[in-house]
Structure formats: structure tokens, C-alpha cells
Amino acid sequence: MRKIFIILPTLFLLFLSGCTNQKNTEIATISSNTDSKYVSTFKDLNLGILYDFDFKLNDADKHWIDLWVESYKDGQLESKSLTSLSFGQSPNKVEEGNIGFGIIKTDDESFAFLYGPGVQVTPQKIGKIQSVAGISGWDYAIGDKTFKLELNETYLLGVYRESKGNSMRTYDLQDENEVKKMIDDDRLVYLLKLKIDDRSN
């Protein structure tokens, strides 16, 4: 009987240890932040469009983050990213903050930019967006829950698009086939994507 009392607490401690280790192996998390101060500022000043996310990266000293925007016109991928940002191997063990993509609209031009915790790229001219003939729309692709990210996986975070006509249908942005159909159906599509690599070696 004494052996059972010794074994049970030991098994319980091993179980707790396993749960703790599992939690610590989580690479990163991300969630859409539709009510952030950045988004509010863009809305209040009528500057354009902003996708903002809460981002947390564990073992930030070992990982590298690539954030970029693919541009599709009439179903064809343009050879160069609309804008891109790479950062990583932080001096901090854990990196936490905001990442995002914005489009600043003016009467004649539009500018795209990306940012991450402590880093950003200068807004780049992308020409005037929003077609005269059609309508435009934009949306987050990951919903409103905290999303766990894995190494070497490419994630779609958000979409901006312009239709070919005066109607626009909705698509499941977590379904790859639906995203491909959307690219074919619309005149202009911007896809915000993210990938995390391990560069500890």
C-alpha cells in the first residue's frame, strides 16, 4: 500500500511536468487586434486601412519572422512582394508586441507599410487603390481567437481585394481552394502572410 502512495504522487508530478514542458514549447501566438490604438487612429483620421495583431514569440533569440504582402492582379501573382519585413534573433528571450500591415490612402497615391515589435519599413508607394468600376473590401483571415503558430508554416493573416464588377462575394480565408478562387474572381488581391523560421544553428 505504501508503494502506491509513493508512485501516485510521482506520476502526478511527471504529468504536471509534461504539461509545463508542452506549454513552453509553444513557438508563437497571434490574435487580431481590431480595437487597438493604431486601428482607432487610422479610423479617426481616415488614413486608410490597418490590420493590427497582438504577437508573442517564445525563444525569440533563435527565431526569424518573415512578414510580407503578395499582390495579385487579374489572377496573376506579381513577381515582387508589395512590401516585406524580416526581423528576428532578438536579444530578448520572449518578444511581445504588435505586428501589422497598413495602407495609407491619398487622393492620388496609396502607400503600404509593415511593422513588428520595435521594427518597421518605410511606407512604399503602391499606386492608387480602389477601382472605379468595382468595390473593395478587406478582412482578417484568422478570426478573433488567439492562434498558435508553428515553425516553417506560412500563415495568411489578412486580405485586401477589389472586385471586377459592382458585387463581391465572401470566401473562407482558411480554405486554400477558396483563396485561389478569390484571386481568380477579383481584379486585385493583397495577401498578408507570415512565416517563422528557426535560425539557431
N, C-alpha and C. Protein backbone atom coordinates (compact mmCIF):
# COMPACT_ATOMS: atom_id res chain seq x y z
N MET A 1 0.81 -1.20 0.00
CA MET A 1 0.00 0.00 0.00
C MET A 1 0.86 1.27 0.00
N ARG A 2 1.99 1.23 0.77
CA ARG A 2 2.88 2.38 0.82
C ARG A 2 3.48 2.66 -0.56
N LYS A 3 3.72 1.60 -1.35
CA LYS A 3 4.29 1.79 -2.69
C LYS A 3 3.33 2.58 -3.57
N ILE A 4 2.03 2.31 -3.42
CA ILE A 4 1.03 3.01 -4.22
C ILE A 4 1.03 4.49 -3.89
N PHE A 5 1.12 4.80 -2.57
CA PHE A 5 1.14 6.21 -2.15
C PHE A 5 2.38 6.95 -2.65
N ILE A 6 3.46 6.21 -2.84
CA ILE A 6 4.69 6.82 -3.35
C ILE A 6 4.61 7.02 -4.87
N ILE A 7 4.06 6.01 -5.55
CA ILE A 7 4.00 6.03 -7.01
C ILE A 7 3.01 7.08 -7.53
N LEU A 8 1.83 7.20 -6.89
CA LEU A 8 0.81 8.13 -7.37
C LEU A 8 1.28 9.59 -7.38
N PRO A 9 1.88 10.09 -6.26
CA PRO A 9 2.38 11.48 -6.33
C PRO A 9 3.47 11.67 -7.38
N THR A 10 4.30 10.64 -7.57
CA THR A 10 5.36 10.72 -8.57
C THR A 10 4.77 10.84 -9.97
N LEU A 11 3.76 10.04 -10.26
CA LEU A 11 3.09 10.10 -11.57
C LEU A 11 2.42 11.45 -11.78
N PHE A 12 1.83 11.98 -10.69
CA PHE A 12 1.16 13.27 -10.78
C PHE A 12 2.16 14.38 -11.11
N LEU A 13 3.33 14.34 -10.46
CA LEU A 13 4.37 15.33 -10.72
C LEU A 13 4.90 15.22 -12.15
N LEU A 14 5.06 13.99 -12.63
CA LEU A 14 5.50 13.79 -14.01
C LEU A 14 4.49 14.35 -15.01
N PHE A 15 3.20 14.17 -14.69
CA PHE A 15 2.13 14.68 -15.55
C PHE A 15 2.18 16.21 -15.61
N LEU A 16 2.33 16.83 -14.43
CA LEU A 16 2.41 18.29 -14.38
C LEU A 16 3.63 18.81 -15.13
N SER A 17 4.73 18.10 -14.99
CA SER A 17 5.96 18.47 -15.67
C SER A 17 5.78 18.40 -17.18
N GLY A 18 5.09 17.36 -17.65
CA GLY A 18 4.83 17.20 -19.08
C GLY A 18 3.97 18.32 -19.62
N CYS A 19 2.96 18.73 -18.82
CA CYS A 19 2.08 19.84 -19.24
C CYS A 19 2.86 21.14 -19.33
N THR A 20 3.74 21.37 -18.35
CA THR A 20 4.54 22.58 -18.34
C THR A 20 5.47 22.64 -19.53
N ASN A 21 6.13 21.52 -19.83
CA ASN A 21 7.04 21.47 -20.97
C ASN A 21 6.32 21.69 -22.28
N GLN A 22 5.10 21.13 -22.36
CA GLN A 22 4.30 21.30 -23.58
C GLN A 22 3.95 22.77 -23.80
N LYS A 23 3.63 23.45 -22.68
CA LYS A 23 3.29 24.86 -22.78
C LYS A 23 4.49 25.69 -23.23
N ASN A 24 5.67 25.32 -22.72
CA ASN A 24 6.88 26.07 -23.03
C ASN A 24 7.35 25.87 -24.47
N THR A 25 6.89 24.78 -25.12
CA THR A 25 7.33 24.51 -26.49
C THR A 25 6.49 25.28 -27.52
N GLU A 26 5.49 26.00 -27.05
CA GLU A 26 4.68 26.81 -27.95
C GLU A 26 5.56 27.87 -28.60
N ILE A 27 5.61 27.88 -29.91
CA ILE A 27 6.51 28.79 -30.63
C ILE A 27 6.03 30.24 -30.54
N ALA A 28 4.80 30.47 -30.96
CA ALA A 28 4.29 31.84 -31.00
C ALA A 28 2.77 31.83 -31.03
N THR A 29 2.20 32.96 -30.65
CA THR A 29 0.75 33.14 -30.75
C THR A 29 0.46 34.49 -31.40
N ILE A 30 -0.70 34.55 -32.05
CA ILE A 30 -1.11 35.79 -32.70
C ILE A 30 -2.63 35.90 -32.60
N SER A 31 -3.12 37.12 -32.48
CA SER A 31 -4.57 37.35 -32.49
C SER A 31 -4.84 38.71 -33.11
N SER A 32 -5.95 38.82 -33.82
CA SER A 32 -6.31 40.10 -34.44
C SER A 32 -6.67 41.11 -33.35
N ASN A 33 -6.28 42.35 -33.58
CA ASN A 33 -6.46 43.40 -32.58
C ASN A 33 -7.23 44.55 -33.23
N THR A 34 -8.51 44.34 -33.43
CA THR A 34 -9.33 45.28 -34.20
C THR A 34 -9.63 46.57 -33.43
N ASP A 35 -9.39 46.57 -32.12
CA ASP A 35 -9.68 47.76 -31.31
C ASP A 35 -8.41 48.43 -30.79
N SER A 36 -7.27 48.17 -31.41
CA SER A 36 -6.02 48.74 -30.92
C SER A 36 -5.98 50.25 -31.14
N LYS A 37 -5.05 50.92 -30.45
CA LYS A 37 -4.92 52.38 -30.61
C LYS A 37 -4.49 52.74 -32.02
N TYR A 38 -3.72 51.83 -32.66
CA TYR A 38 -3.28 52.08 -34.05
C TYR A 38 -4.48 52.09 -34.99
N VAL A 39 -5.35 51.09 -34.83
CA VAL A 39 -6.55 50.99 -35.68
C VAL A 39 -7.47 52.19 -35.45
N SER A 40 -7.64 52.56 -34.18
CA SER A 40 -8.50 53.70 -33.84
C SER A 40 -7.98 54.99 -34.47
N THR A 41 -6.66 55.18 -34.44
CA THR A 41 -6.07 56.38 -35.03
C THR A 41 -6.33 56.43 -36.53
N PHE A 42 -6.16 55.29 -37.22
CA PHE A 42 -6.40 55.23 -38.66
C PHE A 42 -7.86 55.57 -38.97
N LYS A 43 -8.78 55.04 -38.15
CA LYS A 43 -10.21 55.31 -38.38
C LYS A 43 -10.53 56.77 -38.10
N ASP A 44 -10.03 57.29 -36.99
CA ASP A 44 -10.35 58.67 -36.59
C ASP A 44 -9.83 59.68 -37.61
N LEU A 45 -8.65 59.42 -38.16
CA LEU A 45 -8.04 60.36 -39.10
C LEU A 45 -8.36 60.02 -40.56
N ASN A 46 -9.12 58.93 -40.77
CA ASN A 46 -9.50 58.50 -42.12
C ASN A 46 -8.27 58.34 -43.02
N LEU A 47 -7.26 57.64 -42.48
CA LEU A 47 -5.99 57.48 -43.20
C LEU A 47 -6.01 56.36 -44.23
N GLY A 48 -6.84 55.34 -44.00
CA GLY A 48 -6.85 54.20 -44.92
C GLY A 48 -7.23 52.93 -44.20
N ILE A 49 -6.42 51.89 -44.39
CA ILE A 49 -6.71 50.55 -43.86
C ILE A 49 -5.56 50.10 -42.97
N LEU A 50 -5.88 49.45 -41.85
CA LEU A 50 -4.83 48.92 -40.98
C LEU A 50 -5.25 47.57 -40.40
N TYR A 51 -4.37 46.59 -40.57
CA TYR A 51 -4.52 45.29 -39.91
C TYR A 51 -3.53 45.27 -38.74
N ASP A 52 -4.01 45.09 -37.53
CA ASP A 52 -3.12 45.07 -36.37
C ASP A 52 -3.32 43.78 -35.60
N PHE A 53 -2.21 43.22 -35.11
CA PHE A 53 -2.24 41.93 -34.41
C PHE A 53 -1.41 41.99 -33.13
N ASP A 54 -1.89 41.31 -32.09
CA ASP A 54 -1.09 41.06 -30.90
C ASP A 54 -0.24 39.83 -31.19
N PHE A 55 1.06 39.93 -30.95
CA PHE A 55 2.00 38.88 -31.33
C PHE A 55 2.93 38.57 -30.16
N LYS A 56 3.13 37.29 -29.90
CA LYS A 56 4.08 36.85 -28.87
C LYS A 56 4.94 35.73 -29.43
N LEU A 57 6.26 35.87 -29.30
CA LEU A 57 7.20 34.88 -29.82
C LEU A 57 8.09 34.39 -28.69
N ASN A 58 8.06 33.09 -28.42
CA ASN A 58 8.96 32.48 -27.44
C ASN A 58 10.28 32.10 -28.11
N ASP A 59 11.34 32.01 -27.34
CA ASP A 59 12.68 31.72 -27.88
C ASP A 59 12.99 32.67 -29.03
N ALA A 60 12.70 33.96 -28.80
CA ALA A 60 12.86 34.97 -29.85
C ALA A 60 14.31 35.13 -30.29
N ASP A 61 15.23 34.69 -29.44
CA ASP A 61 16.65 34.79 -29.80
C ASP A 61 17.06 33.75 -30.83
N LYS A 62 16.19 32.77 -31.08
CA LYS A 62 16.51 31.69 -32.02
C LYS A 62 15.70 31.75 -33.32
N HIS A 63 14.69 32.61 -33.36
CA HIS A 63 13.75 32.57 -34.48
C HIS A 63 13.80 33.84 -35.33
N TRP A 64 13.35 33.67 -36.58
CA TRP A 64 13.31 34.77 -37.54
C TRP A 64 11.91 34.84 -38.12
N ILE A 65 11.35 36.04 -38.22
CA ILE A 65 9.99 36.22 -38.72
C ILE A 65 10.02 36.93 -40.06
N ASP A 66 9.33 36.36 -41.04
CA ASP A 66 9.14 37.00 -42.34
C ASP A 66 7.68 37.41 -42.46
N LEU A 67 7.47 38.68 -42.75
CA LEU A 67 6.13 39.23 -42.93
C LEU A 67 6.10 39.90 -44.30
N TRP A 68 5.15 39.54 -45.14
CA TRP A 68 5.13 40.10 -46.49
C TRP A 68 3.71 40.15 -47.04
N VAL A 69 3.57 40.91 -48.14
CA VAL A 69 2.26 41.05 -48.79
C VAL A 69 2.40 40.65 -50.25
N GLU A 70 1.68 39.60 -50.63
CA GLU A 70 1.65 39.18 -52.03
C GLU A 70 0.59 39.98 -52.77
N SER A 71 0.90 40.33 -54.02
CA SER A 71 -0.02 41.13 -54.83
C SER A 71 -0.44 40.33 -56.06
N TYR A 72 -1.74 40.21 -56.27
CA TYR A 72 -2.29 39.51 -57.44
C TYR A 72 -3.16 40.48 -58.24
N LYS A 73 -2.91 40.54 -59.55
CA LYS A 73 -3.74 41.36 -60.43
C LYS A 73 -4.31 40.48 -61.53
N ASP A 74 -5.63 40.48 -61.63
CA ASP A 74 -6.34 39.64 -62.61
C ASP A 74 -5.87 38.19 -62.53
N GLY A 75 -5.72 37.69 -61.31
CA GLY A 75 -5.38 36.29 -61.08
C GLY A 75 -3.91 35.94 -61.15
N GLN A 76 -3.07 36.91 -61.48
CA GLN A 76 -1.64 36.64 -61.65
C GLN A 76 -0.82 37.23 -60.50
N LEU A 77 0.07 36.41 -59.94
CA LEU A 77 0.97 36.86 -58.88
C LEU A 77 2.04 37.77 -59.47
N GLU A 78 2.17 38.96 -58.91
CA GLU A 78 3.23 39.86 -59.35
C GLU A 78 4.57 39.33 -58.85
N SER A 79 5.63 39.56 -59.61
CA SER A 79 6.93 38.95 -59.34
C SER A 79 7.54 39.41 -58.01
N LYS A 80 7.17 40.58 -57.57
CA LYS A 80 7.76 41.15 -56.37
C LYS A 80 6.68 41.35 -55.31
N SER A 81 7.04 41.13 -54.03
CA SER A 81 6.10 41.40 -52.94
C SER A 81 5.74 42.87 -52.93
N LEU A 82 4.51 43.16 -52.55
CA LEU A 82 4.07 44.54 -52.44
C LEU A 82 4.95 45.28 -51.41
N THR A 83 5.19 44.63 -50.29
CA THR A 83 6.10 45.10 -49.25
C THR A 83 6.48 43.91 -48.38
N SER A 84 7.64 43.97 -47.73
CA SER A 84 8.09 42.85 -46.89
C SER A 84 8.93 43.36 -45.73
N LEU A 85 8.97 42.55 -44.66
CA LEU A 85 9.72 42.89 -43.46
C LEU A 85 10.23 41.60 -42.83
N SER A 86 11.52 41.56 -42.51
CA SER A 86 12.11 40.41 -41.83
C SER A 86 12.80 40.89 -40.56
N PHE A 87 12.56 40.18 -39.47
CA PHE A 87 13.22 40.54 -38.21
C PHE A 87 13.32 39.28 -37.34
N GLY A 88 14.28 39.30 -36.40
CA GLY A 88 14.43 38.15 -35.52
C GLY A 88 15.72 38.11 -34.76
N GLN A 89 15.97 36.92 -34.16
CA GLN A 89 17.13 36.71 -33.30
C GLN A 89 17.29 37.88 -32.34
N SER A 90 16.20 38.15 -31.63
CA SER A 90 16.14 39.25 -30.68
C SER A 90 17.06 38.99 -29.49
N PRO A 91 17.56 40.04 -28.84
CA PRO A 91 18.33 39.86 -27.60
C PRO A 91 17.44 39.40 -26.44
N ASN A 92 16.12 39.52 -26.63
CA ASN A 92 15.17 39.09 -25.60
C ASN A 92 14.75 37.64 -25.82
N LYS A 93 14.55 36.92 -24.73
CA LYS A 93 14.10 35.53 -24.81
C LYS A 93 12.66 35.46 -25.35
N VAL A 94 11.84 36.41 -24.92
CA VAL A 94 10.45 36.49 -25.38
C VAL A 94 10.23 37.86 -26.01
N GLU A 95 9.65 37.88 -27.20
CA GLU A 95 9.33 39.13 -27.89
C GLU A 95 7.82 39.25 -27.96
N GLU A 96 7.29 40.37 -27.48
CA GLU A 96 5.85 40.54 -27.45
C GLU A 96 5.49 41.96 -27.88
N GLY A 97 4.47 42.09 -28.70
CA GLY A 97 4.07 43.43 -29.15
C GLY A 97 3.11 43.33 -30.32
N ASN A 98 3.10 44.37 -31.15
CA ASN A 98 2.18 44.44 -32.28
C ASN A 98 2.91 44.20 -33.59
N ILE A 99 2.24 43.50 -34.50
CA ILE A 99 2.67 43.44 -35.89
C ILE A 99 1.48 43.85 -36.75
N GLY A 100 1.76 44.35 -37.95
CA GLY A 100 0.64 44.76 -38.77
C GLY A 100 1.02 45.24 -40.15
N PHE A 101 -0.03 45.54 -40.91
CA PHE A 101 0.07 46.00 -42.30
C PHE A 101 -0.92 47.14 -42.49
N GLY A 102 -0.43 48.22 -43.09
CA GLY A 102 -1.31 49.35 -43.32
C GLY A 102 -1.24 49.87 -44.74
N ILE A 103 -2.33 50.45 -45.20
CA ILE A 103 -2.38 51.14 -46.48
C ILE A 103 -2.87 52.55 -46.23
N ILE A 104 -2.01 53.53 -46.54
CA ILE A 104 -2.37 54.94 -46.41
C ILE A 104 -2.90 55.41 -47.75
N LYS A 105 -4.12 55.94 -47.75
CA LYS A 105 -4.75 56.40 -48.99
C LYS A 105 -4.69 57.92 -49.09
N THR A 106 -4.31 58.39 -50.26
CA THR A 106 -4.42 59.83 -50.57
C THR A 106 -5.24 59.96 -51.85
N ASP A 107 -5.49 61.17 -52.28
CA ASP A 107 -6.29 61.37 -53.49
C ASP A 107 -5.61 60.79 -54.72
N ASP A 108 -4.28 60.87 -54.77
CA ASP A 108 -3.56 60.47 -55.97
C ASP A 108 -2.78 59.16 -55.84
N GLU A 109 -2.32 58.85 -54.63
CA GLU A 109 -1.47 57.68 -54.42
C GLU A 109 -1.88 56.92 -53.17
N SER A 110 -1.37 55.69 -53.07
CA SER A 110 -1.52 54.92 -51.85
C SER A 110 -0.14 54.38 -51.45
N PHE A 111 0.04 54.18 -50.14
CA PHE A 111 1.32 53.72 -49.63
C PHE A 111 1.10 52.55 -48.68
N ALA A 112 1.95 51.52 -48.79
CA ALA A 112 1.84 50.33 -47.95
C ALA A 112 3.03 50.26 -46.99
N PHE A 113 2.78 49.76 -45.77
CA PHE A 113 3.86 49.60 -44.82
C PHE A 113 3.59 48.42 -43.89
N LEU A 114 4.65 47.89 -43.32
CA LEU A 114 4.59 46.78 -42.36
C LEU A 114 5.34 47.19 -41.09
N TYR A 115 4.95 46.58 -39.97
CA TYR A 115 5.67 46.84 -38.72
C TYR A 115 5.62 45.62 -37.82
N GLY A 116 6.61 45.54 -36.93
CA GLY A 116 6.67 44.49 -35.93
C GLY A 116 7.16 45.10 -34.63
N PRO A 117 7.37 44.28 -33.58
CA PRO A 117 7.85 44.83 -32.31
C PRO A 117 9.21 45.52 -32.48
N GLY A 118 9.21 46.84 -32.41
CA GLY A 118 10.46 47.60 -32.49
C GLY A 118 11.02 47.77 -33.89
N VAL A 119 10.31 47.31 -34.93
CA VAL A 119 10.81 47.44 -36.31
C VAL A 119 9.68 47.88 -37.24
N GLN A 120 10.05 48.50 -38.36
CA GLN A 120 9.06 48.90 -39.37
C GLN A 120 9.77 49.18 -40.69
N VAL A 121 9.00 49.19 -41.76
CA VAL A 121 9.55 49.58 -43.05
C VAL A 121 8.92 50.90 -43.47
N THR A 122 9.68 51.70 -44.19
CA THR A 122 9.18 52.98 -44.69
C THR A 122 8.00 52.73 -45.64
N PRO A 123 6.93 53.51 -45.54
CA PRO A 123 5.80 53.34 -46.47
C PRO A 123 6.27 53.40 -47.92
N GLN A 124 5.79 52.42 -48.71
CA GLN A 124 6.20 52.31 -50.11
C GLN A 124 5.02 52.63 -51.03
N LYS A 125 5.28 53.41 -52.05
CA LYS A 125 4.24 53.80 -52.99
C LYS A 125 3.74 52.57 -53.75
N ILE A 126 2.42 52.38 -53.80
CA ILE A 126 1.85 51.22 -54.49
C ILE A 126 0.83 51.64 -55.55
N GLY A 127 0.75 52.93 -55.86
CA GLY A 127 -0.23 53.39 -56.82
C GLY A 127 -1.58 53.56 -56.14
N LYS A 128 -2.53 54.05 -56.86
CA LYS A 128 -3.85 54.29 -56.30
C LYS A 128 -4.64 53.00 -56.24
N ILE A 129 -5.21 52.69 -55.07
CA ILE A 129 -6.04 51.50 -54.96
C ILE A 129 -7.50 51.90 -54.96
N GLN A 130 -8.34 50.89 -55.06
CA GLN A 130 -9.80 51.00 -55.15
C GLN A 130 -10.22 51.36 -56.57
N SER A 131 -10.66 50.34 -57.27
CA SER A 131 -11.04 50.53 -58.66
C SER A 131 -12.30 51.38 -58.78
N VAL A 132 -12.38 52.11 -59.86
CA VAL A 132 -13.54 52.98 -60.09
C VAL A 132 -14.78 52.14 -60.40
N ALA A 133 -14.58 51.08 -61.20
CA ALA A 133 -15.73 50.29 -61.66
C ALA A 133 -16.27 49.36 -60.58
N GLY A 134 -15.38 48.83 -59.70
CA GLY A 134 -15.81 47.83 -58.75
C GLY A 134 -15.88 48.35 -57.33
N ILE A 135 -15.94 47.40 -56.39
CA ILE A 135 -15.95 47.73 -54.97
C ILE A 135 -14.78 47.02 -54.30
N SER A 136 -14.42 47.49 -53.12
CA SER A 136 -13.27 46.91 -52.41
C SER A 136 -13.70 46.43 -51.03
N GLY A 137 -12.89 45.56 -50.45
CA GLY A 137 -13.16 45.05 -49.11
C GLY A 137 -11.89 44.51 -48.49
N TRP A 138 -11.86 44.41 -47.18
CA TRP A 138 -10.70 43.86 -46.51
C TRP A 138 -11.15 43.15 -45.24
N ASP A 139 -10.36 42.14 -44.83
CA ASP A 139 -10.76 41.34 -43.67
C ASP A 139 -9.56 40.62 -43.08
N TYR A 140 -9.67 40.32 -41.79
CA TYR A 140 -8.70 39.45 -41.12
C TYR A 140 -8.98 38.01 -41.53
N ALA A 141 -7.93 37.20 -41.64
CA ALA A 141 -8.10 35.81 -42.08
C ALA A 141 -8.06 34.81 -40.93
N ILE A 142 -7.69 35.26 -39.72
CA ILE A 142 -7.51 34.30 -38.61
C ILE A 142 -8.62 34.37 -37.56
N GLY A 143 -9.65 35.15 -37.81
CA GLY A 143 -10.75 35.23 -36.85
C GLY A 143 -10.36 36.06 -35.63
N ASP A 144 -11.14 35.91 -34.55
CA ASP A 144 -10.90 36.75 -33.37
C ASP A 144 -10.34 35.97 -32.18
N LYS A 145 -9.89 34.73 -32.41
CA LYS A 145 -9.31 33.93 -31.33
C LYS A 145 -7.79 33.94 -31.42
N THR A 146 -7.14 33.62 -30.29
CA THR A 146 -5.68 33.51 -30.29
C THR A 146 -5.27 32.29 -31.10
N PHE A 147 -4.36 32.48 -32.02
CA PHE A 147 -3.96 31.46 -32.98
C PHE A 147 -2.53 31.03 -32.67
N LYS A 148 -2.28 29.74 -32.55
CA LYS A 148 -0.93 29.23 -32.29
C LYS A 148 -0.18 29.04 -33.61
N LEU A 149 1.05 29.52 -33.66
CA LEU A 149 1.87 29.44 -34.87
C LEU A 149 2.96 28.39 -34.71
N GLU A 150 3.27 27.70 -35.80
CA GLU A 150 4.31 26.68 -35.80
C GLU A 150 5.46 27.12 -36.71
N LEU A 151 6.60 26.47 -36.54
CA LEU A 151 7.77 26.76 -37.37
C LEU A 151 7.55 26.32 -38.82
N ASN A 152 8.11 27.08 -39.74
CA ASN A 152 8.15 26.73 -41.16
C ASN A 152 6.79 26.57 -41.81
N GLU A 153 5.77 27.16 -41.21
CA GLU A 153 4.43 27.17 -41.80
C GLU A 153 4.11 28.59 -42.26
N THR A 154 3.48 28.71 -43.43
CA THR A 154 3.08 30.02 -43.93
C THR A 154 1.62 30.26 -43.56
N TYR A 155 1.37 31.40 -42.92
CA TYR A 155 0.02 31.73 -42.45
C TYR A 155 -0.51 32.96 -43.18
N LEU A 156 -1.77 32.87 -43.59
CA LEU A 156 -2.46 34.01 -44.16
C LEU A 156 -3.13 34.78 -43.03
N LEU A 157 -2.79 36.06 -42.88
CA LEU A 157 -3.31 36.86 -41.78
C LEU A 157 -4.43 37.80 -42.18
N GLY A 158 -4.36 38.33 -43.40
CA GLY A 158 -5.37 39.29 -43.82
C GLY A 158 -5.43 39.42 -45.32
N VAL A 159 -6.53 39.98 -45.82
CA VAL A 159 -6.77 40.11 -47.26
C VAL A 159 -7.39 41.47 -47.58
N TYR A 160 -6.84 42.13 -48.60
CA TYR A 160 -7.48 43.31 -49.19
C TYR A 160 -7.78 42.95 -50.64
N ARG A 161 -8.97 43.32 -51.15
CA ARG A 161 -9.29 42.97 -52.53
C ARG A 161 -10.24 43.97 -53.18
N GLU A 162 -10.18 44.00 -54.51
CA GLU A 162 -11.06 44.83 -55.31
C GLU A 162 -11.73 43.96 -56.36
N SER A 163 -13.03 44.10 -56.51
CA SER A 163 -13.79 43.26 -57.43
C SER A 163 -13.67 43.74 -58.86
N LYS A 164 -14.06 42.88 -59.78
CA LYS A 164 -14.07 43.24 -61.20
C LYS A 164 -15.34 43.99 -61.58
N GLY A 165 -16.37 43.82 -60.79
CA GLY A 165 -17.64 44.49 -61.07
C GLY A 165 -18.15 45.22 -59.85
N ASN A 166 -19.48 45.32 -59.72
CA ASN A 166 -20.04 46.04 -58.58
C ASN A 166 -20.67 45.11 -57.56
N SER A 167 -20.13 43.88 -57.46
CA SER A 167 -20.56 42.94 -56.41
C SER A 167 -19.33 42.19 -55.90
N MET A 168 -19.45 41.68 -54.69
CA MET A 168 -18.32 40.98 -54.07
C MET A 168 -18.85 39.87 -53.17
N ARG A 169 -18.41 38.64 -53.40
CA ARG A 169 -18.85 37.52 -52.57
C ARG A 169 -17.85 37.27 -51.46
N THR A 170 -18.26 36.49 -50.47
CA THR A 170 -17.36 36.16 -49.36
C THR A 170 -16.72 34.79 -49.59
N TYR A 171 -15.55 34.59 -48.97
CA TYR A 171 -14.80 33.34 -49.12
C TYR A 171 -14.31 32.89 -47.75
N ASP A 172 -14.08 31.58 -47.63
CA ASP A 172 -13.46 31.03 -46.42
C ASP A 172 -11.95 31.24 -46.55
N LEU A 173 -11.40 32.17 -45.79
CA LEU A 173 -9.99 32.54 -45.94
C LEU A 173 -9.03 31.52 -45.33
N GLN A 174 -9.56 30.51 -44.66
CA GLN A 174 -8.72 29.44 -44.15
C GLN A 174 -8.72 28.22 -45.08
N ASP A 175 -9.44 28.33 -46.17
CA ASP A 175 -9.51 27.25 -47.17
C ASP A 175 -8.67 27.69 -48.38
N GLU A 176 -7.60 26.96 -48.65
CA GLU A 176 -6.68 27.30 -49.73
C GLU A 176 -7.37 27.39 -51.08
N ASN A 177 -8.29 26.47 -51.35
CA ASN A 177 -9.00 26.47 -52.63
C ASN A 177 -9.91 27.70 -52.77
N GLU A 178 -10.52 28.10 -51.66
CA GLU A 178 -11.36 29.29 -51.67
C GLU A 178 -10.53 30.55 -51.93
N VAL A 179 -9.34 30.59 -51.35
CA VAL A 179 -8.45 31.74 -51.55
C VAL A 179 -8.04 31.82 -53.02
N LYS A 180 -7.73 30.67 -53.62
CA LYS A 180 -7.36 30.64 -55.04
C LYS A 180 -8.51 31.13 -55.91
N LYS A 181 -9.73 30.72 -55.56
CA LYS A 181 -10.90 31.16 -56.33
C LYS A 181 -11.09 32.67 -56.20
N MET A 182 -10.88 33.19 -54.99
CA MET A 182 -10.99 34.62 -54.77
C MET A 182 -9.98 35.39 -55.63
N ILE A 183 -8.76 34.88 -55.70
CA ILE A 183 -7.72 35.51 -56.52
C ILE A 183 -8.13 35.55 -57.99
N ASP A 184 -8.73 34.45 -58.47
CA ASP A 184 -9.18 34.39 -59.86
C ASP A 184 -10.39 35.30 -60.12
N ASP A 185 -11.27 35.40 -59.12
CA ASP A 185 -12.52 36.15 -59.30
C ASP A 185 -12.32 37.66 -59.25
N ASP A 186 -11.39 38.12 -58.41
CA ASP A 186 -11.26 39.56 -58.18
C ASP A 186 -10.19 40.20 -59.06
N ARG A 187 -10.30 41.51 -59.23
CA ARG A 187 -9.35 42.25 -60.06
C ARG A 187 -8.01 42.43 -59.37
N LEU A 188 -8.05 42.72 -58.07
CA LEU A 188 -6.84 42.98 -57.29
C LEU A 188 -6.97 42.31 -55.92
N VAL A 189 -5.91 41.59 -55.51
CA VAL A 189 -5.91 40.93 -54.20
C VAL A 189 -4.55 41.11 -53.54
N TYR A 190 -4.54 41.55 -52.30
CA TYR A 190 -3.34 41.61 -51.48
C TYR A 190 -3.48 40.59 -50.35
N LEU A 191 -2.48 39.73 -50.20
CA LEU A 191 -2.49 38.73 -49.13
C LEU A 191 -1.36 39.02 -48.15
N LEU A 192 -1.71 39.26 -46.89
CA LEU A 192 -0.72 39.47 -45.83
C LEU A 192 -0.34 38.11 -45.24
N LYS A 193 0.97 37.76 -45.30
CA LYS A 193 1.40 36.44 -44.85
C LYS A 193 2.55 36.54 -43.85
N LEU A 194 2.69 35.48 -43.06
CA LEU A 194 3.73 35.40 -42.03
C LEU A 194 4.31 34.01 -41.96
N LYS A 195 5.63 33.93 -41.70
CA LYS A 195 6.30 32.64 -41.52
C LYS A 195 7.40 32.79 -40.48
N ILE A 196 7.58 31.77 -39.64
CA ILE A 196 8.62 31.78 -38.61
C ILE A 196 9.62 30.67 -38.92
N ASP A 197 10.91 31.02 -38.94
CA ASP A 197 11.99 30.06 -39.17
C ASP A 197 12.86 29.94 -37.93
N ASP A 198 13.49 28.77 -37.77
CA ASP A 198 14.46 28.55 -36.71
C ASP A 198 15.85 28.79 -37.28
N ARG A 199 16.55 29.78 -36.77
CA ARG A 199 17.89 30.10 -37.25
C ARG A 199 18.90 30.06 -36.10
N SER A 200 18.69 29.10 -35.20
CA SER A 200 19.57 28.98 -34.04
C SER A 200 20.91 28.36 -34.38
N ASN A 201 20.99 27.64 -35.55
CA ASN A 201 22.25 26.98 -35.92
C ASN A 201 23.10 27.87 -36.81
